[in-house]
Amino acid sequence: MAKFIYRLQNILDVKLKLESQAKTAFSLAVAKLAEEEQKLEALYRMHEKAQEVYRNRSIGVLDLMELKEAKDMVEYIKGQIAEQKKAVDYAKKMLEVARFQLNEAMKDRKIHEKLKENAFEEFIHEENEAEKKEIDQLVSFTYNNKGKAGVQ
């Protein structure tokens, strides 16, 4: 039996590498989103603490300078939260892009694997047909030689 050689194997190998790269990019995008969300959570905690400091400084004897500093800190953290929300949204978009690219790479790989499978099935079919033809020729040759041997 002949050895099966898929003529588009190098393309399939490239598709496998592209899928692997897309998986890596996707996992990096997931990690980046998690990191950005953690930063946002930390900012929310800082905001809560800053608001608590502001509330505490507004009770009792008022020091206007400390009160202004506390209010400014609350406002600054609000700005940081707004910026971090943008970073989280951007990370989500990048995750969706990476997910789309991964899905496309997986589709491409699956298509080429199916083509390889079909080519292998065709190869097996051709090999079986060739084997049947060879057996038929062998049987025919044997039968014809027995008939000739008995006539002489």
C-alpha atoms as a PDB file:
ATOM      1  CA  MET A   1       0.000   0.000   0.000  1.00  0.00           C
ATOM      2  CA  ALA A   2       1.262   3.443  -0.926  1.00  0.00           C
ATOM      3  CA  LYS A   3       1.937   6.089   1.685  1.00  0.00           C
ATOM      4  CA  PHE A   4      -0.635   8.893   1.998  1.00  0.00           C
ATOM      5  CA  ILE A   5       0.880  12.310   1.421  1.00  0.00           C
ATOM      6  CA  TYR A   6      -1.418  15.299   1.786  1.00  0.00           C
ATOM      7  CA  ARG A   7      -0.273  17.849  -0.763  1.00  0.00           C
ATOM      8  CA  LEU A   8      -1.615  20.801   1.259  1.00  0.00           C
ATOM      9  CA  GLN A   9      -0.047  19.725   4.557  1.00  0.00           C
ATOM     10  CA  ASN A  10       2.147  22.819   4.719  1.00  0.00           C
ATOM     11  CA  ILE A  11      -0.957  25.023   4.484  1.00  0.00           C
ATOM     12  CA  LEU A  12      -2.607  23.018   7.268  1.00  0.00           C
ATOM     13  CA  ASP A  13       0.539  23.461   9.363  1.00  0.00           C
ATOM     14  CA  VAL A  14       0.378  27.232   8.812  1.00  0.00           C
ATOM     15  CA  LYS A  15      -3.296  27.234   9.816  1.00  0.00           C
ATOM     16  CA  LEU A  16      -2.418  25.351  12.999  1.00  0.00           C
ATOM     17  CA  LYS A  17       0.284  27.922  13.823  1.00  0.00           C
ATOM     18  CA  LEU A  18      -2.112  30.792  13.152  1.00  0.00           C
ATOM     19  CA  GLU A  19      -4.680  29.193  15.429  1.00  0.00           C
ATOM     20  CA  SER A  20      -2.061  28.762  18.126  1.00  0.00           C
ATOM     21  CA  GLN A  21      -1.083  32.424  17.805  1.00  0.00           C
ATOM     22  CA  ALA A  22      -4.752  33.446  17.957  1.00  0.00           C
ATOM     23  CA  LYS A  23      -5.193  31.383  21.133  1.00  0.00           C
ATOM     24  CA  THR A  24      -2.193  33.127  22.657  1.00  0.00           C
ATOM     25  CA  ALA A  25      -3.529  36.549  21.658  1.00  0.00           C
ATOM     26  CA  PHE A  26      -6.924  35.650  23.097  1.00  0.00           C
ATOM     27  CA  SER A  27      -5.460  34.523  26.404  1.00  0.00           C
ATOM     28  CA  LEU A  28      -3.392  37.728  26.588  1.00  0.00           C
ATOM     29  CA  ALA A  29      -6.536  39.780  25.907  1.00  0.00           C
ATOM     30  CA  VAL A  30      -8.376  37.916  28.678  1.00  0.00           C
ATOM     31  CA  ALA A  31      -5.497  38.613  31.065  1.00  0.00           C
ATOM     32  CA  LYS A  32      -5.373  42.292  30.044  1.00  0.00           C
ATOM     33  CA  LEU A  33      -9.106  42.671  30.644  1.00  0.00           C
ATOM     34  CA  ALA A  34      -8.795  41.040  34.064  1.00  0.00           C
ATOM     35  CA  GLU A  35      -5.915  43.367  34.918  1.00  0.00           C
ATOM     36  CA  GLU A  36      -7.858  46.469  33.858  1.00  0.00           C
ATOM     37  CA  GLU A  37     -10.913  45.332  35.820  1.00  0.00           C
ATOM     38  CA  GLN A  38      -8.740  44.798  38.908  1.00  0.00           C
ATOM     39  CA  LYS A  39      -7.369  48.315  38.547  1.00  0.00           C
ATOM     40  CA  LEU A  40     -10.927  49.624  38.316  1.00  0.00           C
ATOM     41  CA  GLU A  41     -11.944  47.730  41.448  1.00  0.00           C
ATOM     42  CA  ALA A  42      -8.936  49.154  43.287  1.00  0.00           C
ATOM     43  CA  LEU A  43      -9.973  52.653  42.218  1.00  0.00           C
ATOM     44  CA  TYR A  44     -13.504  52.030  43.478  1.00  0.00           C
ATOM     45  CA  ARG A  45     -12.057  50.995  46.853  1.00  0.00           C
ATOM     46  CA  MET A  46      -9.848  54.101  46.908  1.00  0.00           C
ATOM     47  CA  HIS A  47     -12.893  56.213  46.068  1.00  0.00           C
ATOM     48  CA  GLU A  48     -14.825  54.751  48.976  1.00  0.00           C
ATOM     49  CA  LYS A  49     -11.934  55.469  51.343  1.00  0.00           C
ATOM     50  CA  ALA A  50     -11.540  59.015  50.005  1.00  0.00           C
ATOM     51  CA  GLN A  51     -15.250  59.663  50.468  1.00  0.00           C
ATOM     52  CA  GLU A  52     -15.026  58.335  54.018  1.00  0.00           C
ATOM     53  CA  VAL A  53     -12.100  60.672  54.732  1.00  0.00           C
ATOM     54  CA  TYR A  54     -14.097  63.560  53.259  1.00  0.00           C
ATOM     55  CA  ARG A  55     -17.137  62.724  55.419  1.00  0.00           C
ATOM     56  CA  ASN A  56     -14.966  62.432  58.552  1.00  0.00           C
ATOM     57  CA  ARG A  57     -13.273  65.776  57.894  1.00  0.00           C
ATOM     58  CA  SER A  58     -16.618  67.492  57.363  1.00  0.00           C
ATOM     59  CA  ILE A  59     -17.775  66.473  60.857  1.00  0.00           C
ATOM     60  CA  GLY A  60     -16.757  68.419  63.938  1.00  0.00           C
ATOM     61  CA  VAL A  61     -14.144  71.160  63.778  1.00  0.00           C
ATOM     62  CA  LEU A  62     -13.720  72.124  60.134  1.00  0.00           C
ATOM     63  CA  ASP A  63     -10.307  72.686  58.647  1.00  0.00           C
ATOM     64  CA  LEU A  64     -11.103  74.112  55.243  1.00  0.00           C
ATOM     65  CA  MET A  65      -7.730  73.182  53.785  1.00  0.00           C
ATOM     66  CA  GLU A  66      -8.076  69.518  54.810  1.00  0.00           C
ATOM     67  CA  LEU A  67     -11.692  69.479  53.623  1.00  0.00           C
ATOM     68  CA  LYS A  68     -10.667  70.893  50.234  1.00  0.00           C
ATOM     69  CA  GLU A  69      -7.844  68.345  49.931  1.00  0.00           C
ATOM     70  CA  ALA A  70     -10.251  65.499  50.719  1.00  0.00           C
ATOM     71  CA  LYS A  71     -12.795  66.793  48.189  1.00  0.00           C
ATOM     72  CA  ASP A  72     -10.080  67.217  45.560  1.00  0.00           C
ATOM     73  CA  MET A  73      -8.927  63.643  46.212  1.00  0.00           C
ATOM     74  CA  VAL A  74     -12.487  62.347  45.717  1.00  0.00           C
ATOM     75  CA  GLU A  75     -12.763  64.289  42.445  1.00  0.00           C
ATOM     76  CA  TYR A  76      -9.338  63.120  41.275  1.00  0.00           C
ATOM     77  CA  ILE A  77     -10.242  59.486  41.913  1.00  0.00           C
ATOM     78  CA  LYS A  78     -13.552  59.973  40.069  1.00  0.00           C
ATOM     79  CA  GLY A  79     -11.517  61.132  37.065  1.00  0.00           C
ATOM     80  CA  GLN A  80      -9.211  58.140  37.402  1.00  0.00           C
ATOM     81  CA  ILE A  81     -12.261  55.836  37.521  1.00  0.00           C
ATOM     82  CA  ALA A  82     -13.630  57.404  34.327  1.00  0.00           C
ATOM     83  CA  GLU A  83     -10.284  56.867  32.588  1.00  0.00           C
ATOM     84  CA  GLN A  84     -10.050  53.308  33.868  1.00  0.00           C
ATOM     85  CA  LYS A  85     -13.570  52.570  32.613  1.00  0.00           C
ATOM     86  CA  LYS A  86     -12.360  53.615  29.167  1.00  0.00           C
ATOM     87  CA  ALA A  87      -9.385  51.268  29.533  1.00  0.00           C
ATOM     88  CA  VAL A  88     -11.734  48.424  30.542  1.00  0.00           C
ATOM     89  CA  ASP A  89     -13.986  49.137  27.548  1.00  0.00           C
ATOM     90  CA  TYR A  90     -10.968  49.149  25.239  1.00  0.00           C
ATOM     91  CA  ALA A  91      -9.762  45.845  26.727  1.00  0.00           C
ATOM     92  CA  LYS A  92     -13.236  44.378  26.141  1.00  0.00           C
ATOM     93  CA  LYS A  93     -13.127  45.481  22.499  1.00  0.00           C
ATOM     94  CA  MET A  94      -9.675  43.956  22.091  1.00  0.00           C
ATOM     95  CA  LEU A  95     -10.969  40.740  23.662  1.00  0.00           C
ATOM     96  CA  GLU A  96     -13.815  40.625  21.147  1.00  0.00           C
ATOM     97  CA  VAL A  97     -11.366  41.201  18.289  1.00  0.00           C
ATOM     98  CA  ALA A  98      -9.139  38.408  19.607  1.00  0.00           C
ATOM     99  CA  ARG A  99     -12.181  36.129  20.014  1.00  0.00           C
ATOM    100  CA  PHE A 100     -13.259  36.815  16.433  1.00  0.00           C
ATOM    101  CA  GLN A 101      -9.761  36.155  15.110  1.00  0.00           C
ATOM    102  CA  LEU A 102      -9.566  32.926  17.110  1.00  0.00           C
ATOM    103  CA  ASN A 103     -12.911  31.768  15.738  1.00  0.00           C
ATOM    104  CA  GLU A 104     -11.795  32.531  12.187  1.00  0.00           C
ATOM    105  CA  ALA A 105      -8.493  30.708  12.694  1.00  0.00           C
ATOM    106  CA  MET A 106     -10.333  27.694  14.111  1.00  0.00           C
ATOM    107  CA  LYS A 107     -12.745  27.680  11.149  1.00  0.00           C
ATOM    108  CA  ASP A 108      -9.833  27.826   8.693  1.00  0.00           C
ATOM    109  CA  ARG A 109      -8.049  24.978  10.455  1.00  0.00           C
ATOM    110  CA  LYS A 110     -11.206  22.849  10.553  1.00  0.00           C
ATOM    111  CA  ILE A 111     -11.807  23.442   6.842  1.00  0.00           C
ATOM    112  CA  HIS A 112      -8.287  22.290   5.990  1.00  0.00           C
ATOM    113  CA  GLU A 113      -8.537  19.295   8.320  1.00  0.00           C
ATOM    114  CA  LYS A 114     -11.793  18.308   6.592  1.00  0.00           C
ATOM    115  CA  LEU A 115     -10.081  18.671   3.212  1.00  0.00           C
ATOM    116  CA  LYS A 116      -7.259  16.436   4.444  1.00  0.00           C
ATOM    117  CA  GLU A 117      -9.780  13.899   5.736  1.00  0.00           C
ATOM    118  CA  ASN A 118     -11.591  13.917   2.382  1.00  0.00           C
ATOM    119  CA  ALA A 119      -8.304  13.504   0.526  1.00  0.00           C
ATOM    120  CA  PHE A 120      -7.395  10.563   2.770  1.00  0.00           C
ATOM    121  CA  GLU A 121     -10.774   8.923   2.157  1.00  0.00           C
ATOM    122  CA  GLU A 122     -10.284   9.396  -1.600  1.00  0.00           C
ATOM    123  CA  PHE A 123      -6.786   7.901  -1.282  1.00  0.00           C
ATOM    124  CA  ILE A 124      -8.166   4.866   0.574  1.00  0.00           C
ATOM    125  CA  HIS A 125     -10.897   4.462  -2.043  1.00  0.00           C
ATOM    126  CA  GLU A 126      -8.361   4.619  -4.885  1.00  0.00           C
ATOM    127  CA  GLU A 127      -6.087   2.132  -3.098  1.00  0.00           C
ATOM    128  CA  ASN A 128      -9.000  -0.268  -2.606  1.00  0.00           C
ATOM    129  CA  GLU A 129      -9.968   0.041  -6.270  1.00  0.00           C
ATOM    130  CA  ALA A 130      -6.383  -0.586  -7.358  1.00  0.00           C
ATOM    131  CA  GLU A 131      -6.206  -3.617  -5.039  1.00  0.00           C
ATOM    132  CA  LYS A 132      -9.473  -4.996  -6.453  1.00  0.00           C
ATOM    133  CA  LYS A 133      -8.189  -4.500  -9.997  1.00  0.00           C
ATOM    134  CA  GLU A 134      -4.934  -6.246  -9.131  1.00  0.00           C
ATOM    135  CA  ILE A 135      -6.792  -9.170  -7.541  1.00  0.00           C
ATOM    136  CA  ASP A 136      -9.103  -9.426 -10.569  1.00  0.00           C
ATOM    137  CA  GLN A 137      -6.086  -9.494 -12.887  1.00  0.00           C
ATOM    138  CA  LEU A 138      -4.397 -12.130 -10.739  1.00  0.00           C
ATOM    139  CA  VAL A 139      -7.528 -14.295 -10.662  1.00  0.00           C
ATOM    140  CA  SER A 140      -8.051 -13.838 -14.402  1.00  0.00           C
ATOM    141  CA  PHE A 141      -4.401 -14.695 -15.131  1.00  0.00           C
ATOM    142  CA  THR A 142      -4.575 -17.772 -12.894  1.00  0.00           C
ATOM    143  CA  TYR A 143      -7.840 -18.920 -14.482  1.00  0.00           C
ATOM    144  CA  ASN A 144      -6.546 -18.364 -18.032  1.00  0.00           C
ATOM    145  CA  ASN A 145      -3.300 -20.223 -17.273  1.00  0.00           C
ATOM    146  CA  LYS A 146      -5.197 -23.221 -15.840  1.00  0.00           C
ATOM    147  CA  GLY A 147      -7.401 -23.349 -18.916  1.00  0.00           C
ATOM    148  CA  LYS A 148      -4.374 -23.283 -21.268  1.00  0.00           C
ATOM    149  CA  ALA A 149      -2.613 -25.981 -19.289  1.00  0.00           C
ATOM    150  CA  GLY A 150      -5.563 -28.381 -19.657  1.00  0.00           C
ATOM    151  CA  VAL A 151      -5.989 -27.819 -23.456  1.00  0.00           C
ATOM    152  CA  GLN A 152      -2.514 -28.886 -24.483  1.00  0.00           C
END
